[in-house]
């Protein structure tokens, strides 16, 4: 519900996904 916490969660999740895929990109 909290926008700030939602932003923090999304940023962390996106960075995790990028780390998994960046060597391909």
PDBML (XML) file of the C-alpha atoms, coordinates in Angstrom:
<?xml version="1.0" encoding="UTF-8" ?>
<PDBx:datablock datablockName="MODEL"
   xmlns:PDBx="http://pdbml.pdb.org/schema/pdbx-v50.xsd"
   xmlns:xsi="http://www.w3.org/2001/XMLSchema-instance"
   xsi:schemaLocation="http://pdbml.pdb.org/schema/pdbx-v50.xsd pdbx-v50.xsd">
   <PDBx:atom_siteCategory>
      <PDBx:atom_site id="1">
         <PDBx:B_iso_or_equiv>0.00</PDBx:B_iso_or_equiv>
         <PDBx:Cartn_x>0.000</PDBx:Cartn_x>
         <PDBx:Cartn_y>0.000</PDBx:Cartn_y>
         <PDBx:Cartn_z>0.000</PDBx:Cartn_z>
         <PDBx:auth_asym_id>A</PDBx:auth_asym_id>
         <PDBx:auth_atom_id>CA</PDBx:auth_atom_id>
         <PDBx:auth_comp_id>UNK</PDBx:auth_comp_id>
         <PDBx:auth_seq_id>1</PDBx:auth_seq_id>
         <PDBx:group_PDB>ATOM</PDBx:group_PDB>
         <PDBx:label_alt_id xsi:nil="true" />
         <PDBx:label_asym_id>A</PDBx:label_asym_id>
         <PDBx:label_atom_id>CA</PDBx:label_atom_id>
         <PDBx:label_comp_id>UNK</PDBx:label_comp_id>
         <PDBx:label_entity_id>1</PDBx:label_entity_id>
         <PDBx:label_seq_id>1</PDBx:label_seq_id>
         <PDBx:occupancy>1.00</PDBx:occupancy>
         <PDBx:pdbx_PDB_model_num>1</PDBx:pdbx_PDB_model_num>
         <PDBx:type_symbol>C</PDBx:type_symbol>
      </PDBx:atom_site>
      <PDBx:atom_site id="2">
         <PDBx:B_iso_or_equiv>0.00</PDBx:B_iso_or_equiv>
         <PDBx:Cartn_x>2.749</PDBx:Cartn_x>
         <PDBx:Cartn_y>2.488</PDBx:Cartn_y>
         <PDBx:Cartn_z>0.855</PDBx:Cartn_z>
         <PDBx:auth_asym_id>A</PDBx:auth_asym_id>
         <PDBx:auth_atom_id>CA</PDBx:auth_atom_id>
         <PDBx:auth_comp_id>UNK</PDBx:auth_comp_id>
         <PDBx:auth_seq_id>2</PDBx:auth_seq_id>
         <PDBx:group_PDB>ATOM</PDBx:group_PDB>
         <PDBx:label_alt_id xsi:nil="true" />
         <PDBx:label_asym_id>A</PDBx:label_asym_id>
         <PDBx:label_atom_id>CA</PDBx:label_atom_id>
         <PDBx:label_comp_id>UNK</PDBx:label_comp_id>
         <PDBx:label_entity_id>1</PDBx:label_entity_id>
         <PDBx:label_seq_id>2</PDBx:label_seq_id>
         <PDBx:occupancy>1.00</PDBx:occupancy>
         <PDBx:pdbx_PDB_model_num>1</PDBx:pdbx_PDB_model_num>
         <PDBx:type_symbol>C</PDBx:type_symbol>
      </PDBx:atom_site>
      <PDBx:atom_site id="3">
         <PDBx:B_iso_or_equiv>0.00</PDBx:B_iso_or_equiv>
         <PDBx:Cartn_x>4.063</PDBx:Cartn_x>
         <PDBx:Cartn_y>4.102</PDBx:Cartn_y>
         <PDBx:Cartn_z>-2.335</PDBx:Cartn_z>
         <PDBx:auth_asym_id>A</PDBx:auth_asym_id>
         <PDBx:auth_atom_id>CA</PDBx:auth_atom_id>
         <PDBx:auth_comp_id>UNK</PDBx:auth_comp_id>
         <PDBx:auth_seq_id>3</PDBx:auth_seq_id>
         <PDBx:group_PDB>ATOM</PDBx:group_PDB>
         <PDBx:label_alt_id xsi:nil="true" />
         <PDBx:label_asym_id>A</PDBx:label_asym_id>
         <PDBx:label_atom_id>CA</PDBx:label_atom_id>
         <PDBx:label_comp_id>UNK</PDBx:label_comp_id>
         <PDBx:label_entity_id>1</PDBx:label_entity_id>
         <PDBx:label_seq_id>3</PDBx:label_seq_id>
         <PDBx:occupancy>1.00</PDBx:occupancy>
         <PDBx:pdbx_PDB_model_num>1</PDBx:pdbx_PDB_model_num>
         <PDBx:type_symbol>C</PDBx:type_symbol>
      </PDBx:atom_site>
      <PDBx:atom_site id="4">
         <PDBx:B_iso_or_equiv>0.00</PDBx:B_iso_or_equiv>
         <PDBx:Cartn_x>7.578</PDBx:Cartn_x>
         <PDBx:Cartn_y>4.485</PDBx:Cartn_y>
         <PDBx:Cartn_z>-0.996</PDBx:Cartn_z>
         <PDBx:auth_asym_id>A</PDBx:auth_asym_id>
         <PDBx:auth_atom_id>CA</PDBx:auth_atom_id>
         <PDBx:auth_comp_id>UNK</PDBx:auth_comp_id>
         <PDBx:auth_seq_id>4</PDBx:auth_seq_id>
         <PDBx:group_PDB>ATOM</PDBx:group_PDB>
         <PDBx:label_alt_id xsi:nil="true" />
         <PDBx:label_asym_id>A</PDBx:label_asym_id>
         <PDBx:label_atom_id>CA</PDBx:label_atom_id>
         <PDBx:label_comp_id>UNK</PDBx:label_comp_id>
         <PDBx:label_entity_id>1</PDBx:label_entity_id>
         <PDBx:label_seq_id>4</PDBx:label_seq_id>
         <PDBx:occupancy>1.00</PDBx:occupancy>
         <PDBx:pdbx_PDB_model_num>1</PDBx:pdbx_PDB_model_num>
         <PDBx:type_symbol>C</PDBx:type_symbol>
      </PDBx:atom_site>
      <PDBx:atom_site id="5">
         <PDBx:B_iso_or_equiv>0.00</PDBx:B_iso_or_equiv>
         <PDBx:Cartn_x>7.764</PDBx:Cartn_x>
         <PDBx:Cartn_y>0.832</PDBx:Cartn_y>
         <PDBx:Cartn_z>0.004</PDBx:Cartn_z>
         <PDBx:auth_asym_id>A</PDBx:auth_asym_id>
         <PDBx:auth_atom_id>CA</PDBx:auth_atom_id>
         <PDBx:auth_comp_id>UNK</PDBx:auth_comp_id>
         <PDBx:auth_seq_id>5</PDBx:auth_seq_id>
         <PDBx:group_PDB>ATOM</PDBx:group_PDB>
         <PDBx:label_alt_id xsi:nil="true" />
         <PDBx:label_asym_id>A</PDBx:label_asym_id>
         <PDBx:label_atom_id>CA</PDBx:label_atom_id>
         <PDBx:label_comp_id>UNK</PDBx:label_comp_id>
         <PDBx:label_entity_id>1</PDBx:label_entity_id>
         <PDBx:label_seq_id>5</PDBx:label_seq_id>
         <PDBx:occupancy>1.00</PDBx:occupancy>
         <PDBx:pdbx_PDB_model_num>1</PDBx:pdbx_PDB_model_num>
         <PDBx:type_symbol>C</PDBx:type_symbol>
      </PDBx:atom_site>
      <PDBx:atom_site id="6">
         <PDBx:B_iso_or_equiv>0.00</PDBx:B_iso_or_equiv>
         <PDBx:Cartn_x>6.292</PDBx:Cartn_x>
         <PDBx:Cartn_y>-0.188</PDBx:Cartn_y>
         <PDBx:Cartn_z>-3.347</PDBx:Cartn_z>
         <PDBx:auth_asym_id>A</PDBx:auth_asym_id>
         <PDBx:auth_atom_id>CA</PDBx:auth_atom_id>
         <PDBx:auth_comp_id>UNK</PDBx:auth_comp_id>
         <PDBx:auth_seq_id>6</PDBx:auth_seq_id>
         <PDBx:group_PDB>ATOM</PDBx:group_PDB>
         <PDBx:label_alt_id xsi:nil="true" />
         <PDBx:label_asym_id>A</PDBx:label_asym_id>
         <PDBx:label_atom_id>CA</PDBx:label_atom_id>
         <PDBx:label_comp_id>UNK</PDBx:label_comp_id>
         <PDBx:label_entity_id>1</PDBx:label_entity_id>
         <PDBx:label_seq_id>6</PDBx:label_seq_id>
         <PDBx:occupancy>1.00</PDBx:occupancy>
         <PDBx:pdbx_PDB_model_num>1</PDBx:pdbx_PDB_model_num>
         <PDBx:type_symbol>C</PDBx:type_symbol>
      </PDBx:atom_site>
      <PDBx:atom_site id="7">
         <PDBx:B_iso_or_equiv>0.00</PDBx:B_iso_or_equiv>
         <PDBx:Cartn_x>8.966</PDBx:Cartn_x>
         <PDBx:Cartn_y>1.837</PDBx:Cartn_y>
         <PDBx:Cartn_z>-5.151</PDBx:Cartn_z>
         <PDBx:auth_asym_id>A</PDBx:auth_asym_id>
         <PDBx:auth_atom_id>CA</PDBx:auth_atom_id>
         <PDBx:auth_comp_id>UNK</PDBx:auth_comp_id>
         <PDBx:auth_seq_id>7</PDBx:auth_seq_id>
         <PDBx:group_PDB>ATOM</PDBx:group_PDB>
         <PDBx:label_alt_id xsi:nil="true" />
         <PDBx:label_asym_id>A</PDBx:label_asym_id>
         <PDBx:label_atom_id>CA</PDBx:label_atom_id>
         <PDBx:label_comp_id>UNK</PDBx:label_comp_id>
         <PDBx:label_entity_id>1</PDBx:label_entity_id>
         <PDBx:label_seq_id>7</PDBx:label_seq_id>
         <PDBx:occupancy>1.00</PDBx:occupancy>
         <PDBx:pdbx_PDB_model_num>1</PDBx:pdbx_PDB_model_num>
         <PDBx:type_symbol>C</PDBx:type_symbol>
      </PDBx:atom_site>
      <PDBx:atom_site id="8">
         <PDBx:B_iso_or_equiv>0.00</PDBx:B_iso_or_equiv>
         <PDBx:Cartn_x>11.679</PDBx:Cartn_x>
         <PDBx:Cartn_y>0.240</PDBx:Cartn_y>
         <PDBx:Cartn_z>-3.022</PDBx:Cartn_z>
         <PDBx:auth_asym_id>A</PDBx:auth_asym_id>
         <PDBx:auth_atom_id>CA</PDBx:auth_atom_id>
         <PDBx:auth_comp_id>UNK</PDBx:auth_comp_id>
         <PDBx:auth_seq_id>8</PDBx:auth_seq_id>
         <PDBx:group_PDB>ATOM</PDBx:group_PDB>
         <PDBx:label_alt_id xsi:nil="true" />
         <PDBx:label_asym_id>A</PDBx:label_asym_id>
         <PDBx:label_atom_id>CA</PDBx:label_atom_id>
         <PDBx:label_comp_id>UNK</PDBx:label_comp_id>
         <PDBx:label_entity_id>1</PDBx:label_entity_id>
         <PDBx:label_seq_id>8</PDBx:label_seq_id>
         <PDBx:occupancy>1.00</PDBx:occupancy>
         <PDBx:pdbx_PDB_model_num>1</PDBx:pdbx_PDB_model_num>
         <PDBx:type_symbol>C</PDBx:type_symbol>
      </PDBx:atom_site>
      <PDBx:atom_site id="9">
         <PDBx:B_iso_or_equiv>0.00</PDBx:B_iso_or_equiv>
         <PDBx:Cartn_x>10.338</PDBx:Cartn_x>
         <PDBx:Cartn_y>-3.260</PDBx:Cartn_y>
         <PDBx:Cartn_z>-3.729</PDBx:Cartn_z>
         <PDBx:auth_asym_id>A</PDBx:auth_asym_id>
         <PDBx:auth_atom_id>CA</PDBx:auth_atom_id>
         <PDBx:auth_comp_id>UNK</PDBx:auth_comp_id>
         <PDBx:auth_seq_id>9</PDBx:auth_seq_id>
         <PDBx:group_PDB>ATOM</PDBx:group_PDB>
         <PDBx:label_alt_id xsi:nil="true" />
         <PDBx:label_asym_id>A</PDBx:label_asym_id>
         <PDBx:label_atom_id>CA</PDBx:label_atom_id>
         <PDBx:label_comp_id>UNK</PDBx:label_comp_id>
         <PDBx:label_entity_id>1</PDBx:label_entity_id>
         <PDBx:label_seq_id>9</PDBx:label_seq_id>
         <PDBx:occupancy>1.00</PDBx:occupancy>
         <PDBx:pdbx_PDB_model_num>1</PDBx:pdbx_PDB_model_num>
         <PDBx:type_symbol>C</PDBx:type_symbol>
      </PDBx:atom_site>
      <PDBx:atom_site id="10">
         <PDBx:B_iso_or_equiv>0.00</PDBx:B_iso_or_equiv>
         <PDBx:Cartn_x>10.087</PDBx:Cartn_x>
         <PDBx:Cartn_y>-2.655</PDBx:Cartn_y>
         <PDBx:Cartn_z>-7.486</PDBx:Cartn_z>
         <PDBx:auth_asym_id>A</PDBx:auth_asym_id>
         <PDBx:auth_atom_id>CA</PDBx:auth_atom_id>
         <PDBx:auth_comp_id>UNK</PDBx:auth_comp_id>
         <PDBx:auth_seq_id>10</PDBx:auth_seq_id>
         <PDBx:group_PDB>ATOM</PDBx:group_PDB>
         <PDBx:label_alt_id xsi:nil="true" />
         <PDBx:label_asym_id>A</PDBx:label_asym_id>
         <PDBx:label_atom_id>CA</PDBx:label_atom_id>
         <PDBx:label_comp_id>UNK</PDBx:label_comp_id>
         <PDBx:label_entity_id>1</PDBx:label_entity_id>
         <PDBx:label_seq_id>10</PDBx:label_seq_id>
         <PDBx:occupancy>1.00</PDBx:occupancy>
         <PDBx:pdbx_PDB_model_num>1</PDBx:pdbx_PDB_model_num>
         <PDBx:type_symbol>C</PDBx:type_symbol>
      </PDBx:atom_site>
      <PDBx:atom_site id="11">
         <PDBx:B_iso_or_equiv>0.00</PDBx:B_iso_or_equiv>
         <PDBx:Cartn_x>13.571</PDBx:Cartn_x>
         <PDBx:Cartn_y>-1.179</PDBx:Cartn_y>
         <PDBx:Cartn_z>-7.722</PDBx:Cartn_z>
         <PDBx:auth_asym_id>A</PDBx:auth_asym_id>
         <PDBx:auth_atom_id>CA</PDBx:auth_atom_id>
         <PDBx:auth_comp_id>UNK</PDBx:auth_comp_id>
         <PDBx:auth_seq_id>11</PDBx:auth_seq_id>
         <PDBx:group_PDB>ATOM</PDBx:group_PDB>
         <PDBx:label_alt_id xsi:nil="true" />
         <PDBx:label_asym_id>A</PDBx:label_asym_id>
         <PDBx:label_atom_id>CA</PDBx:label_atom_id>
         <PDBx:label_comp_id>UNK</PDBx:label_comp_id>
         <PDBx:label_entity_id>1</PDBx:label_entity_id>
         <PDBx:label_seq_id>11</PDBx:label_seq_id>
         <PDBx:occupancy>1.00</PDBx:occupancy>
         <PDBx:pdbx_PDB_model_num>1</PDBx:pdbx_PDB_model_num>
         <PDBx:type_symbol>C</PDBx:type_symbol>
      </PDBx:atom_site>
      <PDBx:atom_site id="12">
         <PDBx:B_iso_or_equiv>0.00</PDBx:B_iso_or_equiv>
         <PDBx:Cartn_x>15.079</PDBx:Cartn_x>
         <PDBx:Cartn_y>-4.111</PDBx:Cartn_y>
         <PDBx:Cartn_z>-5.836</PDBx:Cartn_z>
         <PDBx:auth_asym_id>A</PDBx:auth_asym_id>
         <PDBx:auth_atom_id>CA</PDBx:auth_atom_id>
         <PDBx:auth_comp_id>UNK</PDBx:auth_comp_id>
         <PDBx:auth_seq_id>12</PDBx:auth_seq_id>
         <PDBx:group_PDB>ATOM</PDBx:group_PDB>
         <PDBx:label_alt_id xsi:nil="true" />
         <PDBx:label_asym_id>A</PDBx:label_asym_id>
         <PDBx:label_atom_id>CA</PDBx:label_atom_id>
         <PDBx:label_comp_id>UNK</PDBx:label_comp_id>
         <PDBx:label_entity_id>1</PDBx:label_entity_id>
         <PDBx:label_seq_id>12</PDBx:label_seq_id>
         <PDBx:occupancy>1.00</PDBx:occupancy>
         <PDBx:pdbx_PDB_model_num>1</PDBx:pdbx_PDB_model_num>
         <PDBx:type_symbol>C</PDBx:type_symbol>
      </PDBx:atom_site>
      <PDBx:atom_site id="13">
         <PDBx:B_iso_or_equiv>0.00</PDBx:B_iso_or_equiv>
         <PDBx:Cartn_x>13.169</PDBx:Cartn_x>
         <PDBx:Cartn_y>-6.641</PDBx:Cartn_y>
         <PDBx:Cartn_z>-7.960</PDBx:Cartn_z>
         <PDBx:auth_asym_id>A</PDBx:auth_asym_id>
         <PDBx:auth_atom_id>CA</PDBx:auth_atom_id>
         <PDBx:auth_comp_id>UNK</PDBx:auth_comp_id>
         <PDBx:auth_seq_id>13</PDBx:auth_seq_id>
         <PDBx:group_PDB>ATOM</PDBx:group_PDB>
         <PDBx:label_alt_id xsi:nil="true" />
         <PDBx:label_asym_id>A</PDBx:label_asym_id>
         <PDBx:label_atom_id>CA</PDBx:label_atom_id>
         <PDBx:label_comp_id>UNK</PDBx:label_comp_id>
         <PDBx:label_entity_id>1</PDBx:label_entity_id>
         <PDBx:label_seq_id>13</PDBx:label_seq_id>
         <PDBx:occupancy>1.00</PDBx:occupancy>
         <PDBx:pdbx_PDB_model_num>1</PDBx:pdbx_PDB_model_num>
         <PDBx:type_symbol>C</PDBx:type_symbol>
      </PDBx:atom_site>
      <PDBx:atom_site id="14">
         <PDBx:B_iso_or_equiv>0.00</PDBx:B_iso_or_equiv>
         <PDBx:Cartn_x>14.110</PDBx:Cartn_x>
         <PDBx:Cartn_y>-4.968</PDBx:Cartn_y>
         <PDBx:Cartn_z>-11.239</PDBx:Cartn_z>
         <PDBx:auth_asym_id>A</PDBx:auth_asym_id>
         <PDBx:auth_atom_id>CA</PDBx:auth_atom_id>
         <PDBx:auth_comp_id>UNK</PDBx:auth_comp_id>
         <PDBx:auth_seq_id>14</PDBx:auth_seq_id>
         <PDBx:group_PDB>ATOM</PDBx:group_PDB>
         <PDBx:label_alt_id xsi:nil="true" />
         <PDBx:label_asym_id>A</PDBx:label_asym_id>
         <PDBx:label_atom_id>CA</PDBx:label_atom_id>
         <PDBx:label_comp_id>UNK</PDBx:label_comp_id>
         <PDBx:label_entity_id>1</PDBx:label_entity_id>
         <PDBx:label_seq_id>14</PDBx:label_seq_id>
         <PDBx:occupancy>1.00</PDBx:occupancy>
         <PDBx:pdbx_PDB_model_num>1</PDBx:pdbx_PDB_model_num>
         <PDBx:type_symbol>C</PDBx:type_symbol>
      </PDBx:atom_site>
      <PDBx:atom_site id="15">
         <PDBx:B_iso_or_equiv>0.00</PDBx:B_iso_or_equiv>
         <PDBx:Cartn_x>17.770</PDBx:Cartn_x>
         <PDBx:Cartn_y>-4.809</PDBx:Cartn_y>
         <PDBx:Cartn_z>-10.245</PDBx:Cartn_z>
         <PDBx:auth_asym_id>A</PDBx:auth_asym_id>
         <PDBx:auth_atom_id>CA</PDBx:auth_atom_id>
         <PDBx:auth_comp_id>UNK</PDBx:auth_comp_id>
         <PDBx:auth_seq_id>15</PDBx:auth_seq_id>
         <PDBx:group_PDB>ATOM</PDBx:group_PDB>
         <PDBx:label_alt_id xsi:nil="true" />
         <PDBx:label_asym_id>A</PDBx:label_asym_id>
         <PDBx:label_atom_id>CA</PDBx:label_atom_id>
         <PDBx:label_comp_id>UNK</PDBx:label_comp_id>
         <PDBx:label_entity_id>1</PDBx:label_entity_id>
         <PDBx:label_seq_id>15</PDBx:label_seq_id>
         <PDBx:occupancy>1.00</PDBx:occupancy>
         <PDBx:pdbx_PDB_model_num>1</PDBx:pdbx_PDB_model_num>
         <PDBx:type_symbol>C</PDBx:type_symbol>
      </PDBx:atom_site>
      <PDBx:atom_site id="16">
         <PDBx:B_iso_or_equiv>0.00</PDBx:B_iso_or_equiv>
         <PDBx:Cartn_x>17.711</PDBx:Cartn_x>
         <PDBx:Cartn_y>-8.511</PDBx:Cartn_y>
         <PDBx:Cartn_z>-9.348</PDBx:Cartn_z>
         <PDBx:auth_asym_id>A</PDBx:auth_asym_id>
         <PDBx:auth_atom_id>CA</PDBx:auth_atom_id>
         <PDBx:auth_comp_id>UNK</PDBx:auth_comp_id>
         <PDBx:auth_seq_id>16</PDBx:auth_seq_id>
         <PDBx:group_PDB>ATOM</PDBx:group_PDB>
         <PDBx:label_alt_id xsi:nil="true" />
         <PDBx:label_asym_id>A</PDBx:label_asym_id>
         <PDBx:label_atom_id>CA</PDBx:label_atom_id>
         <PDBx:label_comp_id>UNK</PDBx:label_comp_id>
         <PDBx:label_entity_id>1</PDBx:label_entity_id>
         <PDBx:label_seq_id>16</PDBx:label_seq_id>
         <PDBx:occupancy>1.00</PDBx:occupancy>
         <PDBx:pdbx_PDB_model_num>1</PDBx:pdbx_PDB_model_num>
         <PDBx:type_symbol>C</PDBx:type_symbol>
      </PDBx:atom_site>
      <PDBx:atom_site id="17">
         <PDBx:B_iso_or_equiv>0.00</PDBx:B_iso_or_equiv>
         <PDBx:Cartn_x>16.205</PDBx:Cartn_x>
         <PDBx:Cartn_y>-9.379</PDBx:Cartn_y>
         <PDBx:Cartn_z>-12.729</PDBx:Cartn_z>
         <PDBx:auth_asym_id>A</PDBx:auth_asym_id>
         <PDBx:auth_atom_id>CA</PDBx:auth_atom_id>
         <PDBx:auth_comp_id>UNK</PDBx:auth_comp_id>
         <PDBx:auth_seq_id>17</PDBx:auth_seq_id>
         <PDBx:group_PDB>ATOM</PDBx:group_PDB>
         <PDBx:label_alt_id xsi:nil="true" />
         <PDBx:label_asym_id>A</PDBx:label_asym_id>
         <PDBx:label_atom_id>CA</PDBx:label_atom_id>
         <PDBx:label_comp_id>UNK</PDBx:label_comp_id>
         <PDBx:label_entity_id>1</PDBx:label_entity_id>
         <PDBx:label_seq_id>17</PDBx:label_seq_id>
         <PDBx:occupancy>1.00</PDBx:occupancy>
         <PDBx:pdbx_PDB_model_num>1</PDBx:pdbx_PDB_model_num>
         <PDBx:type_symbol>C</PDBx:type_symbol>
      </PDBx:atom_site>
      <PDBx:atom_site id="18">
         <PDBx:B_iso_or_equiv>0.00</PDBx:B_iso_or_equiv>
         <PDBx:Cartn_x>18.700</PDBx:Cartn_x>
         <PDBx:Cartn_y>-7.161</PDBx:Cartn_y>
         <PDBx:Cartn_z>-14.530</PDBx:Cartn_z>
         <PDBx:auth_asym_id>A</PDBx:auth_asym_id>
         <PDBx:auth_atom_id>CA</PDBx:auth_atom_id>
         <PDBx:auth_comp_id>UNK</PDBx:auth_comp_id>
         <PDBx:auth_seq_id>18</PDBx:auth_seq_id>
         <PDBx:group_PDB>ATOM</PDBx:group_PDB>
         <PDBx:label_alt_id xsi:nil="true" />
         <PDBx:label_asym_id>A</PDBx:label_asym_id>
         <PDBx:label_atom_id>CA</PDBx:label_atom_id>
         <PDBx:label_comp_id>UNK</PDBx:label_comp_id>
         <PDBx:label_entity_id>1</PDBx:label_entity_id>
         <PDBx:label_seq_id>18</PDBx:label_seq_id>
         <PDBx:occupancy>1.00</PDBx:occupancy>
         <PDBx:pdbx_PDB_model_num>1</PDBx:pdbx_PDB_model_num>
         <PDBx:type_symbol>C</PDBx:type_symbol>
      </PDBx:atom_site>
      <PDBx:atom_site id="19">
         <PDBx:B_iso_or_equiv>0.00</PDBx:B_iso_or_equiv>
         <PDBx:Cartn_x>21.575</PDBx:Cartn_x>
         <PDBx:Cartn_y>-8.886</PDBx:Cartn_y>
         <PDBx:Cartn_z>-12.753</PDBx:Cartn_z>
         <PDBx:auth_asym_id>A</PDBx:auth_asym_id>
         <PDBx:auth_atom_id>CA</PDBx:auth_atom_id>
         <PDBx:auth_comp_id>UNK</PDBx:auth_comp_id>
         <PDBx:auth_seq_id>19</PDBx:auth_seq_id>
         <PDBx:group_PDB>ATOM</PDBx:group_PDB>
         <PDBx:label_alt_id xsi:nil="true" />
         <PDBx:label_asym_id>A</PDBx:label_asym_id>
         <PDBx:label_atom_id>CA</PDBx:label_atom_id>
         <PDBx:label_comp_id>UNK</PDBx:label_comp_id>
         <PDBx:label_entity_id>1</PDBx:label_entity_id>
         <PDBx:label_seq_id>19</PDBx:label_seq_id>
         <PDBx:occupancy>1.00</PDBx:occupancy>
         <PDBx:pdbx_PDB_model_num>1</PDBx:pdbx_PDB_model_num>
         <PDBx:type_symbol>C</PDBx:type_symbol>
      </PDBx:atom_site>
      <PDBx:atom_site id="20">
         <PDBx:B_iso_or_equiv>0.00</PDBx:B_iso_or_equiv>
         <PDBx:Cartn_x>20.296</PDBx:Cartn_x>
         <PDBx:Cartn_y>-12.245</PDBx:Cartn_y>
         <PDBx:Cartn_z>-14.036</PDBx:Cartn_z>
         <PDBx:auth_asym_id>A</PDBx:auth_asym_id>
         <PDBx:auth_atom_id>CA</PDBx:auth_atom_id>
         <PDBx:auth_comp_id>UNK</PDBx:auth_comp_id>
         <PDBx:auth_seq_id>20</PDBx:auth_seq_id>
         <PDBx:group_PDB>ATOM</PDBx:group_PDB>
         <PDBx:label_alt_id xsi:nil="true" />
         <PDBx:label_asym_id>A</PDBx:label_asym_id>
         <PDBx:label_atom_id>CA</PDBx:label_atom_id>
         <PDBx:label_comp_id>UNK</PDBx:label_comp_id>
         <PDBx:label_entity_id>1</PDBx:label_entity_id>
         <PDBx:label_seq_id>20</PDBx:label_seq_id>
         <PDBx:occupancy>1.00</PDBx:occupancy>
         <PDBx:pdbx_PDB_model_num>1</PDBx:pdbx_PDB_model_num>
         <PDBx:type_symbol>C</PDBx:type_symbol>
      </PDBx:atom_site>
      <PDBx:atom_site id="21">
         <PDBx:B_iso_or_equiv>0.00</PDBx:B_iso_or_equiv>
         <PDBx:Cartn_x>19.968</PDBx:Cartn_x>
         <PDBx:Cartn_y>-11.023</PDBx:Cartn_y>
         <PDBx:Cartn_z>-17.607</PDBx:Cartn_z>
         <PDBx:auth_asym_id>A</PDBx:auth_asym_id>
         <PDBx:auth_atom_id>CA</PDBx:auth_atom_id>
         <PDBx:auth_comp_id>UNK</PDBx:auth_comp_id>
         <PDBx:auth_seq_id>21</PDBx:auth_seq_id>
         <PDBx:group_PDB>ATOM</PDBx:group_PDB>
         <PDBx:label_alt_id xsi:nil="true" />
         <PDBx:label_asym_id>A</PDBx:label_asym_id>
         <PDBx:label_atom_id>CA</PDBx:label_atom_id>
         <PDBx:label_comp_id>UNK</PDBx:label_comp_id>
         <PDBx:label_entity_id>1</PDBx:label_entity_id>
         <PDBx:label_seq_id>21</PDBx:label_seq_id>
         <PDBx:occupancy>1.00</PDBx:occupancy>
         <PDBx:pdbx_PDB_model_num>1</PDBx:pdbx_PDB_model_num>
         <PDBx:type_symbol>C</PDBx:type_symbol>
      </PDBx:atom_site>
      <PDBx:atom_site id="22">
         <PDBx:B_iso_or_equiv>0.00</PDBx:B_iso_or_equiv>
         <PDBx:Cartn_x>22.518</PDBx:Cartn_x>
         <PDBx:Cartn_y>-8.265</PDBx:Cartn_y>
         <PDBx:Cartn_z>-18.175</PDBx:Cartn_z>
         <PDBx:auth_asym_id>A</PDBx:auth_asym_id>
         <PDBx:auth_atom_id>CA</PDBx:auth_atom_id>
         <PDBx:auth_comp_id>UNK</PDBx:auth_comp_id>
         <PDBx:auth_seq_id>22</PDBx:auth_seq_id>
         <PDBx:group_PDB>ATOM</PDBx:group_PDB>
         <PDBx:label_alt_id xsi:nil="true" />
         <PDBx:label_asym_id>A</PDBx:label_asym_id>
         <PDBx:label_atom_id>CA</PDBx:label_atom_id>
         <PDBx:label_comp_id>UNK</PDBx:label_comp_id>
         <PDBx:label_entity_id>1</PDBx:label_entity_id>
         <PDBx:label_seq_id>22</PDBx:label_seq_id>
         <PDBx:occupancy>1.00</PDBx:occupancy>
         <PDBx:pdbx_PDB_model_num>1</PDBx:pdbx_PDB_model_num>
         <PDBx:type_symbol>C</PDBx:type_symbol>
      </PDBx:atom_site>
      <PDBx:atom_site id="23">
         <PDBx:B_iso_or_equiv>0.00</PDBx:B_iso_or_equiv>
         <PDBx:Cartn_x>25.258</PDBx:Cartn_x>
         <PDBx:Cartn_y>-10.617</PDBx:Cartn_y>
         <PDBx:Cartn_z>-19.424</PDBx:Cartn_z>
         <PDBx:auth_asym_id>A</PDBx:auth_asym_id>
         <PDBx:auth_atom_id>CA</PDBx:auth_atom_id>
         <PDBx:auth_comp_id>UNK</PDBx:auth_comp_id>
         <PDBx:auth_seq_id>23</PDBx:auth_seq_id>
         <PDBx:group_PDB>ATOM</PDBx:group_PDB>
         <PDBx:label_alt_id xsi:nil="true" />
         <PDBx:label_asym_id>A</PDBx:label_asym_id>
         <PDBx:label_atom_id>CA</PDBx:label_atom_id>
         <PDBx:label_comp_id>UNK</PDBx:label_comp_id>
         <PDBx:label_entity_id>1</PDBx:label_entity_id>
         <PDBx:label_seq_id>23</PDBx:label_seq_id>
         <PDBx:occupancy>1.00</PDBx:occupancy>
         <PDBx:pdbx_PDB_model_num>1</PDBx:pdbx_PDB_model_num>
         <PDBx:type_symbol>C</PDBx:type_symbol>
      </PDBx:atom_site>
      <PDBx:atom_site id="24">
         <PDBx:B_iso_or_equiv>0.00</PDBx:B_iso_or_equiv>
         <PDBx:Cartn_x>22.914</PDBx:Cartn_x>
         <PDBx:Cartn_y>-11.438</PDBx:Cartn_y>
         <PDBx:Cartn_z>-22.324</PDBx:Cartn_z>
         <PDBx:auth_asym_id>A</PDBx:auth_asym_id>
         <PDBx:auth_atom_id>CA</PDBx:auth_atom_id>
         <PDBx:auth_comp_id>UNK</PDBx:auth_comp_id>
         <PDBx:auth_seq_id>24</PDBx:auth_seq_id>
         <PDBx:group_PDB>ATOM</PDBx:group_PDB>
         <PDBx:label_alt_id xsi:nil="true" />
         <PDBx:label_asym_id>A</PDBx:label_asym_id>
         <PDBx:label_atom_id>CA</PDBx:label_atom_id>
         <PDBx:label_comp_id>UNK</PDBx:label_comp_id>
         <PDBx:label_entity_id>1</PDBx:label_entity_id>
         <PDBx:label_seq_id>24</PDBx:label_seq_id>
         <PDBx:occupancy>1.00</PDBx:occupancy>
         <PDBx:pdbx_PDB_model_num>1</PDBx:pdbx_PDB_model_num>
         <PDBx:type_symbol>C</PDBx:type_symbol>
      </PDBx:atom_site>
      <PDBx:atom_site id="25">
         <PDBx:B_iso_or_equiv>0.00</PDBx:B_iso_or_equiv>
         <PDBx:Cartn_x>21.764</PDBx:Cartn_x>
         <PDBx:Cartn_y>-7.884</PDBx:Cartn_y>
         <PDBx:Cartn_z>-22.944</PDBx:Cartn_z>
         <PDBx:auth_asym_id>A</PDBx:auth_asym_id>
         <PDBx:auth_atom_id>CA</PDBx:auth_atom_id>
         <PDBx:auth_comp_id>UNK</PDBx:auth_comp_id>
         <PDBx:auth_seq_id>25</PDBx:auth_seq_id>
         <PDBx:group_PDB>ATOM</PDBx:group_PDB>
         <PDBx:label_alt_id xsi:nil="true" />
         <PDBx:label_asym_id>A</PDBx:label_asym_id>
         <PDBx:label_atom_id>CA</PDBx:label_atom_id>
         <PDBx:label_comp_id>UNK</PDBx:label_comp_id>
         <PDBx:label_entity_id>1</PDBx:label_entity_id>
         <PDBx:label_seq_id>25</PDBx:label_seq_id>
         <PDBx:occupancy>1.00</PDBx:occupancy>
         <PDBx:pdbx_PDB_model_num>1</PDBx:pdbx_PDB_model_num>
         <PDBx:type_symbol>C</PDBx:type_symbol>
      </PDBx:atom_site>
   </PDBx:atom_siteCategory>
</PDBx:datablock>
